[in-house]
Amino acid sequence: YKVSVGIIERAVNLIQDVDVKRIIDVRYIKGQPHHVTVAR
């Protein structure tokens, strides 16, 4: 899990589009449901 978490965090940090990175952060890193992400 430690390796997987590190890989995911590094890969998300390398997303170039700031808007895409923010959405992925809200949806997956912060763990918000889809409908909450859309509302956000």
Full PDB file with SEQRES, HELIX, SHEET, SSBOND, CRYST1, ORIGX, SCALE, CONECT and MASTER records, all heavy atoms in Angstrom:
SEQRES   1 A   40  TYR LYS VAL SER VAL GLY ILE ILE GLU ARG ALA VAL ASN          
SEQRES   2 A   40  LEU ILE GLN ASP VAL ASP VAL LYS ARG ILE ILE ASP VAL          
SEQRES   3 A   40  ARG TYR ILE LYS GLY GLN PRO HIS HIS VAL THR VAL ALA          
SEQRES   4 A   40  ARG                                                          
HELIX    1 AA1 LYS A    2  ASN A   13  1                                  12    
HELIX    2 AA2 VAL A   18  ILE A   24  1                                   7    
HELIX    3 AA3 ASP A   25  ILE A   29  3                                   5    
HELIX    4 AA4 HIS A   34  ALA A   39  1                                   6    
CRYST1    1.000    1.000    1.000  90.00  90.00  90.00 P 1           1          
ORIGX1      1.000000  0.000000  0.000000        0.00000                         
ORIGX2      0.000000  1.000000  0.000000        0.00000                         
ORIGX3      0.000000  0.000000  1.000000        0.00000                         
SCALE1      1.000000  0.000000  0.000000        0.00000                         
SCALE2      0.000000  1.000000  0.000000        0.00000                         
SCALE3      0.000000  0.000000  1.000000        0.00000                         
ATOM      1  N   TYR A   1       0.821  -1.209   0.000  1.00  0.00           N  
ATOM      2  CA  TYR A   1       0.000   0.000   0.000  1.00  0.00           C  
ATOM      3  C   TYR A   1       0.852   1.254   0.000  1.00  0.00           C  
ATOM      4  O   TYR A   1       0.531   2.235  -0.661  1.00  0.00           O  
ATOM      5  CB  TYR A   1      -0.942   0.013   1.200  1.00  0.00           C  
ATOM      6  CG  TYR A   1      -2.125  -0.928   1.103  1.00  0.00           C  
ATOM      7  CD1 TYR A   1      -2.289  -1.808   0.041  1.00  0.00           C  
ATOM      8  CD2 TYR A   1      -3.077  -0.945   2.097  1.00  0.00           C  
ATOM      9  CE1 TYR A   1      -3.363  -2.659  -0.030  1.00  0.00           C  
ATOM     10  CE2 TYR A   1      -4.174  -1.804   2.035  1.00  0.00           C  
ATOM     11  CZ  TYR A   1      -4.310  -2.661   0.969  1.00  0.00           C  
ATOM     12  OH  TYR A   1      -5.391  -3.505   0.905  1.00  0.00           O  
ATOM     13  N   LYS A   2       1.950   1.239   0.744  1.00  0.00           N  
ATOM     14  CA  LYS A   2       2.839   2.405   0.804  1.00  0.00           C  
ATOM     15  C   LYS A   2       3.378   2.721  -0.591  1.00  0.00           C  
ATOM     16  O   LYS A   2       3.406   3.884  -1.007  1.00  0.00           O  
ATOM     17  CB  LYS A   2       3.988   2.131   1.778  1.00  0.00           C  
ATOM     18  CG  LYS A   2       4.952   3.251   1.946  1.00  0.00           C  
ATOM     19  CD  LYS A   2       4.621   4.042   3.161  1.00  0.00           C  
ATOM     20  CE  LYS A   2       5.728   5.045   3.397  1.00  0.00           C  
ATOM     21  NZ  LYS A   2       5.242   6.179   4.141  1.00  0.00           N  
ATOM     22  N   VAL A   3       3.796   1.700  -1.325  1.00  0.00           N  
ATOM     23  CA  VAL A   3       4.299   1.885  -2.689  1.00  0.00           C  
ATOM     24  C   VAL A   3       3.185   2.410  -3.596  1.00  0.00           C  
ATOM     25  O   VAL A   3       3.380   3.372  -4.342  1.00  0.00           O  
ATOM     26  CB  VAL A   3       4.897   0.567  -3.243  1.00  0.00           C  
ATOM     27  CG1 VAL A   3       5.156   0.658  -4.733  1.00  0.00           C  
ATOM     28  CG2 VAL A   3       6.176   0.208  -2.499  1.00  0.00           C  
ATOM     29  N   SER A   4       2.009   1.792  -3.515  1.00  0.00           N  
ATOM     30  CA  SER A   4       0.887   2.207  -4.366  1.00  0.00           C  
ATOM     31  C   SER A   4       0.476   3.649  -4.087  1.00  0.00           C  
ATOM     32  O   SER A   4       0.251   4.425  -5.023  1.00  0.00           O  
ATOM     33  CB  SER A   4      -0.315   1.293  -4.152  1.00  0.00           C  
ATOM     34  OG  SER A   4      -0.027  -0.006  -4.612  1.00  0.00           O  
ATOM     35  N   VAL A   5       0.398   4.017  -2.829  1.00  0.00           N  
ATOM     36  CA  VAL A   5       0.030   5.386  -2.454  1.00  0.00           C  
ATOM     37  C   VAL A   5       1.052   6.377  -3.008  1.00  0.00           C  
ATOM     38  O   VAL A   5       0.701   7.412  -3.570  1.00  0.00           O  
ATOM     39  CB  VAL A   5      -0.102   5.508  -0.917  1.00  0.00           C  
ATOM     40  CG1 VAL A   5      -0.085   6.961  -0.465  1.00  0.00           C  
ATOM     41  CG2 VAL A   5      -1.372   4.814  -0.439  1.00  0.00           C  
ATOM     42  N   GLY A   6       2.328   6.047  -2.879  1.00  0.00           N  
ATOM     43  CA  GLY A   6       3.383   6.927  -3.398  1.00  0.00           C  
ATOM     44  C   GLY A   6       3.304   7.095  -4.903  1.00  0.00           C  
ATOM     45  O   GLY A   6       3.451   8.214  -5.424  1.00  0.00           O  
ATOM     46  N   ILE A   7       3.056   6.006  -5.611  1.00  0.00           N  
ATOM     47  CA  ILE A   7       2.951   6.067  -7.072  1.00  0.00           C  
ATOM     48  C   ILE A   7       1.759   6.934  -7.482  1.00  0.00           C  
ATOM     49  O   ILE A   7       1.874   7.776  -8.373  1.00  0.00           O  
ATOM     50  CB  ILE A   7       2.840   4.648  -7.669  1.00  0.00           C  
ATOM     51  CG1 ILE A   7       4.192   3.934  -7.566  1.00  0.00           C  
ATOM     52  CG2 ILE A   7       2.354   4.681  -9.106  1.00  0.00           C  
ATOM     53  CD1 ILE A   7       4.149   2.463  -7.915  1.00  0.00           C  
ATOM     54  N   ILE A   8       0.625   6.724  -6.830  1.00  0.00           N  
ATOM     55  CA  ILE A   8      -0.570   7.495  -7.167  1.00  0.00           C  
ATOM     56  C   ILE A   8      -0.339   8.980  -6.899  1.00  0.00           C  
ATOM     57  O   ILE A   8      -0.652   9.831  -7.737  1.00  0.00           O  
ATOM     58  CB  ILE A   8      -1.801   6.978  -6.394  1.00  0.00           C  
ATOM     59  CG1 ILE A   8      -2.179   5.584  -6.899  1.00  0.00           C  
ATOM     60  CG2 ILE A   8      -2.977   7.940  -6.516  1.00  0.00           C  
ATOM     61  CD1 ILE A   8      -3.165   4.847  -6.008  1.00  0.00           C  
ATOM     62  N   GLU A   9       0.228   9.298  -5.740  1.00  0.00           N  
ATOM     63  CA  GLU A   9       0.475  10.706  -5.409  1.00  0.00           C  
ATOM     64  C   GLU A   9       1.429  11.362  -6.400  1.00  0.00           C  
ATOM     65  O   GLU A   9       1.204  12.493  -6.843  1.00  0.00           O  
ATOM     66  CB  GLU A   9       1.014  10.828  -3.984  1.00  0.00           C  
ATOM     67  CG  GLU A   9      -0.046  10.544  -2.941  1.00  0.00           C  
ATOM     68  CD  GLU A   9       0.486  10.480  -1.519  1.00  0.00           C  
ATOM     69  OE1 GLU A   9       1.729  10.439  -1.325  1.00  0.00           O  
ATOM     70  OE2 GLU A   9      -0.347  10.464  -0.586  1.00  0.00           O  
ATOM     71  N   ARG A  10       2.490  10.654  -6.774  1.00  0.00           N  
ATOM     72  CA  ARG A  10       3.444  11.201  -7.752  1.00  0.00           C  
ATOM     73  C   ARG A  10       2.772  11.402  -9.101  1.00  0.00           C  
ATOM     74  O   ARG A  10       2.978  12.431  -9.760  1.00  0.00           O  
ATOM     75  CB  ARG A  10       4.646  10.276  -7.896  1.00  0.00           C  
ATOM     76  CG  ARG A  10       5.587  10.314  -6.706  1.00  0.00           C  
ATOM     77  CD  ARG A  10       6.716   9.332  -6.837  1.00  0.00           C  
ATOM     78  NE  ARG A  10       7.506   9.582  -8.034  1.00  0.00           N  
ATOM     79  CZ  ARG A  10       8.261   8.667  -8.611  1.00  0.00           C  
ATOM     80  NH1 ARG A  10       8.348   7.439  -8.134  1.00  0.00           N  
ATOM     81  NH2 ARG A  10       8.956   8.963  -9.688  1.00  0.00           N  
ATOM     82  N   ALA A  11       1.981  10.419  -9.539  1.00  0.00           N  
ATOM     83  CA  ALA A  11       1.325  10.510 -10.845  1.00  0.00           C  
ATOM     84  C   ALA A  11       0.317  11.652 -10.870  1.00  0.00           C  
ATOM     85  O   ALA A  11       0.225  12.383 -11.865  1.00  0.00           O  
ATOM     86  CB  ALA A  11       0.648   9.188 -11.187  1.00  0.00           C  
ATOM     87  N   VAL A  12      -0.431  11.849  -9.787  1.00  0.00           N  
ATOM     88  CA  VAL A  12      -1.401  12.953  -9.732  1.00  0.00           C  
ATOM     89  C   VAL A  12      -0.654  14.288  -9.737  1.00  0.00           C  
ATOM     90  O   VAL A  12      -1.071  15.234 -10.405  1.00  0.00           O  
ATOM     91  CB  VAL A  12      -2.331  12.813  -8.503  1.00  0.00           C  
ATOM     92  CG1 VAL A  12      -3.141  14.077  -8.281  1.00  0.00           C  
ATOM     93  CG2 VAL A  12      -3.254  11.611  -8.676  1.00  0.00           C  
ATOM     94  N   ASN A  13       0.442  14.372  -9.011  1.00  0.00           N  
ATOM     95  CA  ASN A  13       1.219  15.619  -8.975  1.00  0.00           C  
ATOM     96  C   ASN A  13       1.800  15.977 -10.339  1.00  0.00           C  
ATOM     97  O   ASN A  13       2.083  17.151 -10.596  1.00  0.00           O  
ATOM     98  CB  ASN A  13       2.341  15.536  -7.947  1.00  0.00           C  
ATOM     99  CG  ASN A  13       1.828  15.684  -6.534  1.00  0.00           C  
ATOM    100  OD1 ASN A  13       0.798  16.297  -6.299  1.00  0.00           O  
ATOM    101  ND2 ASN A  13       2.538  15.093  -5.591  1.00  0.00           N  
ATOM    102  N   LEU A  14       1.965  15.007 -11.212  1.00  0.00           N  
ATOM    103  CA  LEU A  14       2.517  15.257 -12.542  1.00  0.00           C  
ATOM    104  C   LEU A  14       1.465  15.626 -13.589  1.00  0.00           C  
ATOM    105  O   LEU A  14       1.817  15.883 -14.733  1.00  0.00           O  
ATOM    106  CB  LEU A  14       3.320  14.051 -13.023  1.00  0.00           C  
ATOM    107  CG  LEU A  14       4.652  13.833 -12.289  1.00  0.00           C  
ATOM    108  CD1 LEU A  14       5.282  12.517 -12.700  1.00  0.00           C  
ATOM    109  CD2 LEU A  14       5.594  14.992 -12.533  1.00  0.00           C  
ATOM    110  N   ILE A  15       0.195  15.674 -13.205  1.00  0.00           N  
ATOM    111  CA  ILE A  15      -0.842  16.118 -14.145  1.00  0.00           C  
ATOM    112  C   ILE A  15      -0.570  17.574 -14.482  1.00  0.00           C  
ATOM    113  O   ILE A  15      -0.458  18.412 -13.590  1.00  0.00           O  
ATOM    114  CB  ILE A  15      -2.261  15.939 -13.550  1.00  0.00           C  
ATOM    115  CG1 ILE A  15      -2.558  14.452 -13.321  1.00  0.00           C  
ATOM    116  CG2 ILE A  15      -3.308  16.573 -14.460  1.00  0.00           C  
ATOM    117  CD1 ILE A  15      -3.858  14.186 -12.588  1.00  0.00           C  
ATOM    118  N   GLN A  16      -0.465  17.877 -15.760  1.00  0.00           N  
ATOM    119  CA  GLN A  16      -0.087  19.218 -16.203  1.00  0.00           C  
ATOM    120  C   GLN A  16      -1.220  20.234 -16.150  1.00  0.00           C  
ATOM    121  O   GLN A  16      -1.007  21.390 -15.826  1.00  0.00           O  
ATOM    122  CB  GLN A  16       0.482  19.163 -17.632  1.00  0.00           C  
ATOM    123  CG  GLN A  16       1.758  18.341 -17.732  1.00  0.00           C  
ATOM    124  CD  GLN A  16       2.884  18.947 -16.931  1.00  0.00           C  
ATOM    125  OE1 GLN A  16       3.247  20.094 -17.139  1.00  0.00           O  
ATOM    126  NE2 GLN A  16       3.421  18.196 -15.991  1.00  0.00           N  
ATOM    127  N   ASP A  17      -2.417  19.828 -16.483  1.00  0.00           N  
ATOM    128  CA  ASP A  17      -3.570  20.730 -16.509  1.00  0.00           C  
ATOM    129  C   ASP A  17      -4.032  20.977 -15.069  1.00  0.00           C  
ATOM    130  O   ASP A  17      -4.464  20.052 -14.376  1.00  0.00           O  
ATOM    131  CB  ASP A  17      -4.690  20.112 -17.341  1.00  0.00           C  
ATOM    132  CG  ASP A  17      -5.878  21.035 -17.543  1.00  0.00           C  
ATOM    133  OD1 ASP A  17      -6.291  21.687 -16.567  1.00  0.00           O  
ATOM    134  OD2 ASP A  17      -6.399  21.080 -18.668  1.00  0.00           O  
ATOM    135  N   VAL A  18      -3.962  22.209 -14.631  1.00  0.00           N  
ATOM    136  CA  VAL A  18      -4.289  22.567 -13.248  1.00  0.00           C  
ATOM    137  C   VAL A  18      -5.741  22.219 -12.907  1.00  0.00           C  
ATOM    138  O   VAL A  18      -6.014  21.714 -11.812  1.00  0.00           O  
ATOM    139  CB  VAL A  18      -4.016  24.075 -13.004  1.00  0.00           C  
ATOM    140  CG1 VAL A  18      -4.423  24.485 -11.607  1.00  0.00           C  
ATOM    141  CG2 VAL A  18      -2.559  24.397 -13.248  1.00  0.00           C  
ATOM    142  N   ASP A  19      -6.655  22.477 -13.823  1.00  0.00           N  
ATOM    143  CA  ASP A  19      -8.066  22.163 -13.569  1.00  0.00           C  
ATOM    144  C   ASP A  19      -8.283  20.664 -13.424  1.00  0.00           C  
ATOM    145  O   ASP A  19      -9.018  20.218 -12.539  1.00  0.00           O  
ATOM    146  CB  ASP A  19      -8.950  22.713 -14.691  1.00  0.00           C  
ATOM    147  CG  ASP A  19      -8.964  24.235 -14.720  1.00  0.00           C  
ATOM    148  OD1 ASP A  19      -8.792  24.857 -13.656  1.00  0.00           O  
ATOM    149  OD2 ASP A  19      -9.144  24.797 -15.824  1.00  0.00           O  
ATOM    150  N   VAL A  20      -7.657  19.897 -14.280  1.00  0.00           N  
ATOM    151  CA  VAL A  20      -7.775  18.438 -14.214  1.00  0.00           C  
ATOM    152  C   VAL A  20      -7.190  17.942 -12.893  1.00  0.00           C  
ATOM    153  O   VAL A  20      -7.795  17.098 -12.214  1.00  0.00           O  
ATOM    154  CB  VAL A  20      -7.070  17.774 -15.420  1.00  0.00           C  
ATOM    155  CG1 VAL A  20      -6.998  16.267 -15.246  1.00  0.00           C  
ATOM    156  CG2 VAL A  20      -7.799  18.125 -16.718  1.00  0.00           C  
ATOM    157  N   LYS A  21      -6.045  18.478 -12.506  1.00  0.00           N  
ATOM    158  CA  LYS A  21      -5.410  18.073 -11.247  1.00  0.00           C  
ATOM    159  C   LYS A  21      -6.322  18.395 -10.056  1.00  0.00           C  
ATOM    160  O   LYS A  21      -6.467  17.577  -9.147  1.00  0.00           O  
ATOM    161  CB  LYS A  21      -4.069  18.773 -11.077  1.00  0.00           C  
ATOM    162  CG  LYS A  21      -3.277  18.266  -9.880  1.00  0.00           C  
ATOM    163  CD  LYS A  21      -2.013  19.052  -9.627  1.00  0.00           C  
ATOM    164  CE  LYS A  21      -1.008  18.877 -10.705  1.00  0.00           C  
ATOM    165  NZ  LYS A  21       0.296  19.494 -10.401  1.00  0.00           N  
ATOM    166  N   ARG A  22      -6.965  19.560 -10.060  1.00  0.00           N  
ATOM    167  CA  ARG A  22      -7.871  19.938  -8.964  1.00  0.00           C  
ATOM    168  C   ARG A  22      -9.061  18.982  -8.893  1.00  0.00           C  
ATOM    169  O   ARG A  22      -9.478  18.575  -7.803  1.00  0.00           O  
ATOM    170  CB  ARG A  22      -8.359  21.375  -9.147  1.00  0.00           C  
ATOM    171  CG  ARG A  22      -7.333  22.398  -8.744  1.00  0.00           C  
ATOM    172  CD  ARG A  22      -7.801  23.848  -8.842  1.00  0.00           C  
ATOM    173  NE  ARG A  22      -9.214  24.069  -8.701  1.00  0.00           N  
ATOM    174  CZ  ARG A  22      -9.957  24.782  -9.554  1.00  0.00           C  
ATOM    175  NH1 ARG A  22      -9.416  25.350 -10.606  1.00  0.00           N  
ATOM    176  NH2 ARG A  22     -11.246  24.950  -9.354  1.00  0.00           N  
ATOM    177  N   ILE A  23      -9.607  18.635 -10.051  1.00  0.00           N  
ATOM    178  CA  ILE A  23     -10.759  17.736 -10.072  1.00  0.00           C  
ATOM    179  C   ILE A  23     -10.368  16.346  -9.580  1.00  0.00           C  
ATOM    180  O   ILE A  23     -11.089  15.738  -8.783  1.00  0.00           O  
ATOM    181  CB  ILE A  23     -11.392  17.686 -11.481  1.00  0.00           C  
ATOM    182  CG1 ILE A  23     -12.089  19.022 -11.773  1.00  0.00           C  
ATOM    183  CG2 ILE A  23     -12.366  16.524 -11.609  1.00  0.00           C  
ATOM    184  CD1 ILE A  23     -12.623  19.157 -13.174  1.00  0.00           C  
ATOM    185  N   ILE A  24      -9.225  15.830 -10.020  1.00  0.00           N  
ATOM    186  CA  ILE A  24      -8.755  14.518  -9.565  1.00  0.00           C  
ATOM    187  C   ILE A  24      -8.477  14.550  -8.068  1.00  0.00           C  
ATOM    188  O   ILE A  24      -8.764  13.590  -7.347  1.00  0.00           O  
ATOM    189  CB  ILE A  24      -7.509  14.070 -10.366  1.00  0.00           C  
ATOM    190  CG1 ILE A  24      -7.882  13.812 -11.830  1.00  0.00           C  
ATOM    191  CG2 ILE A  24      -6.848  12.845  -9.739  1.00  0.00           C  
ATOM    192  CD1 ILE A  24      -8.877  12.683 -12.053  1.00  0.00           C  
ATOM    193  N   ASP A  25      -7.948  15.658  -7.586  1.00  0.00           N  
ATOM    194  CA  ASP A  25      -7.684  15.801  -6.155  1.00  0.00           C  
ATOM    195  C   ASP A  25      -8.982  15.718  -5.355  1.00  0.00           C  
ATOM    196  O   ASP A  25      -9.069  14.985  -4.363  1.00  0.00           O  
ATOM    197  CB  ASP A  25      -6.960  17.123  -5.878  1.00  0.00           C  
ATOM    198  CG  ASP A  25      -6.604  17.279  -4.419  1.00  0.00           C  
ATOM    199  OD1 ASP A  25      -5.805  16.467  -3.913  1.00  0.00           O  
ATOM    200  OD2 ASP A  25      -7.138  18.209  -3.774  1.00  0.00           O  
ATOM    201  N   VAL A  26     -10.005  16.444  -5.804  1.00  0.00           N  
ATOM    202  CA  VAL A  26     -11.289  16.425  -5.096  1.00  0.00           C  
ATOM    203  C   VAL A  26     -11.926  15.038  -5.190  1.00  0.00           C  
ATOM    204  O   VAL A  26     -12.382  14.484  -4.182  1.00  0.00           O  
ATOM    205  CB  VAL A  26     -12.245  17.505  -5.659  1.00  0.00           C  
ATOM    206  CG1 VAL A  26     -13.662  17.324  -5.140  1.00  0.00           C  
ATOM    207  CG2 VAL A  26     -11.728  18.890  -5.326  1.00  0.00           C  
ATOM    208  N   ARG A  27     -11.943  14.476  -6.384  1.00  0.00           N  
ATOM    209  CA  ARG A  27     -12.656  13.208  -6.608  1.00  0.00           C  
ATOM    210  C   ARG A  27     -11.966  12.011  -5.955  1.00  0.00           C  
ATOM    211  O   ARG A  27     -12.609  11.198  -5.291  1.00  0.00           O  
ATOM    212  CB  ARG A  27     -12.802  12.969  -8.120  1.00  0.00           C  
ATOM    213  CG  ARG A  27     -13.419  11.637  -8.488  1.00  0.00           C  
ATOM    214  CD  ARG A  27     -14.894  11.594  -8.106  1.00  0.00           C  
ATOM    215  NE  ARG A  27     -15.468  10.322  -8.471  1.00  0.00           N  
ATOM    216  CZ  ARG A  27     -15.645   9.317  -7.610  1.00  0.00           C  
ATOM    217  NH1 ARG A  27     -15.306   9.445  -6.346  1.00  0.00           N  
ATOM    218  NH2 ARG A  27     -16.181   8.181  -8.009  1.00  0.00           N  
ATOM    219  N   TYR A  28     -10.658  11.881  -6.132  1.00  0.00           N  
ATOM    220  CA  TYR A  28      -9.969  10.664  -5.685  1.00  0.00           C  
ATOM    221  C   TYR A  28      -9.072  10.873  -4.468  1.00  0.00           C  
ATOM    222  O   TYR A  28      -9.107  10.054  -3.543  1.00  0.00           O  
ATOM    223  CB  TYR A  28      -9.163  10.069  -6.837  1.00  0.00           C  
ATOM    224  CG  TYR A  28     -10.044   9.560  -7.937  1.00  0.00           C  
ATOM    225  CD1 TYR A  28     -10.146  10.231  -9.152  1.00  0.00           C  
ATOM    226  CD2 TYR A  28     -10.810   8.413  -7.771  1.00  0.00           C  
ATOM    227  CE1 TYR A  28     -10.973   9.775 -10.161  1.00  0.00           C  
ATOM    228  CE2 TYR A  28     -11.644   7.951  -8.772  1.00  0.00           C  
ATOM    229  CZ  TYR A  28     -11.718   8.634  -9.969  1.00  0.00           C  
ATOM    230  OH  TYR A  28     -12.551   8.175 -10.958  1.00  0.00           O  
ATOM    231  N   ILE A  29      -8.277  11.930  -4.432  1.00  0.00           N  
ATOM    232  CA  ILE A  29      -7.365  12.122  -3.307  1.00  0.00           C  
ATOM    233  C   ILE A  29      -8.153  12.492  -2.045  1.00  0.00           C  
ATOM    234  O   ILE A  29      -7.910  11.951  -0.972  1.00  0.00           O  
ATOM    235  CB  ILE A  29      -6.285  13.186  -3.634  1.00  0.00           C  
ATOM    236  CG1 ILE A  29      -5.517  12.801  -4.905  1.00  0.00           C  
ATOM    237  CG2 ILE A  29      -5.352  13.377  -2.452  1.00  0.00           C  
ATOM    238  CD1 ILE A  29      -4.848  11.443  -4.873  1.00  0.00           C  
ATOM    239  N   LYS A  30      -9.117  13.388  -2.186  1.00  0.00           N  
ATOM    240  CA  LYS A  30      -9.968  13.743  -1.040  1.00  0.00           C  
ATOM    241  C   LYS A  30     -11.146  12.781  -0.901  1.00  0.00           C  
ATOM    242  O   LYS A  30     -11.831  12.786   0.115  1.00  0.00           O  
ATOM    243  CB  LYS A  30     -10.448  15.181  -1.171  1.00  0.00           C  
ATOM    244  CG  LYS A  30      -9.295  16.154  -0.991  1.00  0.00           C  
ATOM    245  CD  LYS A  30      -9.734  17.582  -0.939  1.00  0.00           C  
ATOM    246  CE  LYS A  30      -8.579  18.463  -0.571  1.00  0.00           C  
ATOM    247  NZ  LYS A  30      -8.096  19.302  -1.643  1.00  0.00           N  
ATOM    248  N   GLY A  31     -11.413  11.995  -1.929  1.00  0.00           N  
ATOM    249  CA  GLY A  31     -12.407  10.931  -1.860  1.00  0.00           C  
ATOM    250  C   GLY A  31     -13.855  11.371  -1.920  1.00  0.00           C  
ATOM    251  O   GLY A  31     -14.733  10.690  -1.404  1.00  0.00           O  
ATOM    252  N   GLN A  32     -14.128  12.473  -2.580  1.00  0.00           N  
ATOM    253  CA  GLN A  32     -15.512  12.937  -2.677  1.00  0.00           C  
ATOM    254  C   GLN A  32     -16.280  12.120  -3.725  1.00  0.00           C  
ATOM    255  O   GLN A  32     -15.720  11.748  -4.746  1.00  0.00           O  
ATOM    256  CB  GLN A  32     -15.551  14.418  -3.068  1.00  0.00           C  
ATOM    257  CG  GLN A  32     -14.947  15.332  -2.028  1.00  0.00           C  
ATOM    258  CD  GLN A  32     -15.692  15.256  -0.704  1.00  0.00           C  
ATOM    259  OE1 GLN A  32     -16.914  15.184  -0.672  1.00  0.00           O  
ATOM    260  NE2 GLN A  32     -14.947  15.271   0.388  1.00  0.00           N  
ATOM    261  N   PRO A  33     -17.553  11.865  -3.470  1.00  0.00           N  
ATOM    262  CA  PRO A  33     -18.370  11.156  -4.467  1.00  0.00           C  
ATOM    263  C   PRO A  33     -18.479  11.977  -5.751  1.00  0.00           C  
ATOM    264  O   PRO A  33     -18.257  13.191  -5.752  1.00  0.00           O  
ATOM    265  CB  PRO A  33     -19.738  11.034  -3.797  1.00  0.00           C  
ATOM    266  CG  PRO A  33     -19.528  11.311  -2.355  1.00  0.00           C  
ATOM    267  CD  PRO A  33     -18.306  12.158  -2.251  1.00  0.00           C  
ATOM    268  N   HIS A  34     -18.875  11.303  -6.819  1.00  0.00           N  
ATOM    269  CA  HIS A  34     -18.978  11.956  -8.123  1.00  0.00           C  
ATOM    270  C   HIS A  34     -19.906  13.160  -8.080  1.00  0.00           C  
ATOM    271  O   HIS A  34     -19.568  14.234  -8.585  1.00  0.00           O  
ATOM    272  CB  HIS A  34     -19.443  10.943  -9.178  1.00  0.00           C  
ATOM    273  CG  HIS A  34     -19.516  11.523 -10.546  1.00  0.00           C  
ATOM    274  ND1 HIS A  34     -20.689  12.050 -11.051  1.00  0.00           N  
ATOM    275  CD2 HIS A  34     -18.580  11.684 -11.503  1.00  0.00           C  
ATOM    276  CE1 HIS A  34     -20.459  12.499 -12.262  1.00  0.00           C  
ATOM    277  NE2 HIS A  34     -19.180  12.292 -12.570  1.00  0.00           N  
ATOM    278  N   HIS A  35     -21.079  13.005  -7.487  1.00  0.00           N  
ATOM    279  CA  HIS A  35     -22.042  14.112  -7.475  1.00  0.00           C  
ATOM    280  C   HIS A  35     -21.518  15.313  -6.684  1.00  0.00           C  
ATOM    281  O   HIS A  35     -21.805  16.456  -7.028  1.00  0.00           O  
ATOM    282  CB  HIS A  35     -23.413  13.657  -6.955  1.00  0.00           C  
ATOM    283  CG  HIS A  35     -23.460  13.351  -5.496  1.00  0.00           C  
ATOM    284  ND1 HIS A  35     -23.078  12.138  -4.979  1.00  0.00           N  
ATOM    285  CD2 HIS A  35     -23.841  14.114  -4.447  1.00  0.00           C  
ATOM    286  CE1 HIS A  35     -23.221  12.156  -3.666  1.00  0.00           C  
ATOM    287  NE2 HIS A  35     -23.680  13.348  -3.306  1.00  0.00           N  
ATOM    288  N   VAL A  36     -20.746  15.069  -5.654  1.00  0.00           N  
ATOM    289  CA  VAL A  36     -20.149  16.171  -4.886  1.00  0.00           C  
ATOM    290  C   VAL A  36     -19.073  16.870  -5.723  1.00  0.00           C  
ATOM    291  O   VAL A  36     -18.965  18.101  -5.715  1.00  0.00           O  
ATOM    292  CB  VAL A  36     -19.571  15.665  -3.547  1.00  0.00           C  
ATOM    293  CG1 VAL A  36     -18.794  16.763  -2.829  1.00  0.00           C  
ATOM    294  CG2 VAL A  36     -20.689  15.125  -2.658  1.00  0.00           C  
ATOM    295  N   THR A  37     -18.301  16.080  -6.453  1.00  0.00           N  
ATOM    296  CA  THR A  37     -17.270  16.655  -7.319  1.00  0.00           C  
ATOM    297  C   THR A  37     -17.910  17.533  -8.394  1.00  0.00           C  
ATOM    298  O   THR A  37     -17.442  18.647  -8.642  1.00  0.00           O  
ATOM    299  CB  THR A  37     -16.431  15.539  -7.980  1.00  0.00           C  
ATOM    300  OG1 THR A  37     -15.890  14.705  -6.953  1.00  0.00           O  
ATOM    301  CG2 THR A  37     -15.309  16.106  -8.818  1.00  0.00           C  
ATOM    302  N   VAL A  38     -18.967  17.039  -9.017  1.00  0.00           N  
ATOM    303  CA  VAL A  38     -19.666  17.826 -10.043  1.00  0.00           C  
ATOM    304  C   VAL A  38     -20.225  19.115  -9.423  1.00  0.00           C  
ATOM    305  O   VAL A  38     -20.091  20.198 -10.010  1.00  0.00           O  
ATOM    306  CB  VAL A  38     -20.795  16.998 -10.704  1.00  0.00           C  
ATOM    307  CG1 VAL A  38     -21.679  17.865 -11.586  1.00  0.00           C  
ATOM    308  CG2 VAL A  38     -20.189  15.852 -11.527  1.00  0.00           C  
ATOM    309  N   ALA A  39     -20.811  19.017  -8.231  1.00  0.00           N  
ATOM    310  CA  ALA A  39     -21.356  20.204  -7.566  1.00  0.00           C  
ATOM    311  C   ALA A  39     -20.249  21.190  -7.188  1.00  0.00           C  
ATOM    312  O   ALA A  39     -20.444  22.401  -7.253  1.00  0.00           O  
ATOM    313  CB  ALA A  39     -22.142  19.788  -6.324  1.00  0.00           C  
ATOM    314  N   ARG A  40     -19.105  20.674  -6.817  1.00  0.00           N  
ATOM    315  CA  ARG A  40     -17.972  21.534  -6.425  1.00  0.00           C  
ATOM    316  C   ARG A  40     -17.499  22.402  -7.594  1.00  0.00           C  
ATOM    317  O   ARG A  40     -17.061  23.520  -7.412  1.00  0.00           O  
ATOM    318  CB  ARG A  40     -16.828  20.643  -5.922  1.00  0.00           C  
ATOM    319  CG  ARG A  40     -15.481  21.269  -5.760  1.00  0.00           C  
ATOM    320  CD  ARG A  40     -15.426  22.150  -4.518  1.00  0.00           C  
ATOM    321  NE  ARG A  40     -14.096  22.598  -4.224  1.00  0.00           N  
ATOM    322  CZ  ARG A  40     -13.439  23.543  -4.870  1.00  0.00           C  
ATOM    323  NH1 ARG A  40     -13.989  24.139  -5.910  1.00  0.00           N  
ATOM    324  NH2 ARG A  40     -12.228  23.908  -4.513  1.00  0.00           N  
TER     325      ARG A  40                                                      
MASTER        0    0    0    4    0    0    0    6  324    1    0    4          
END                                                                             
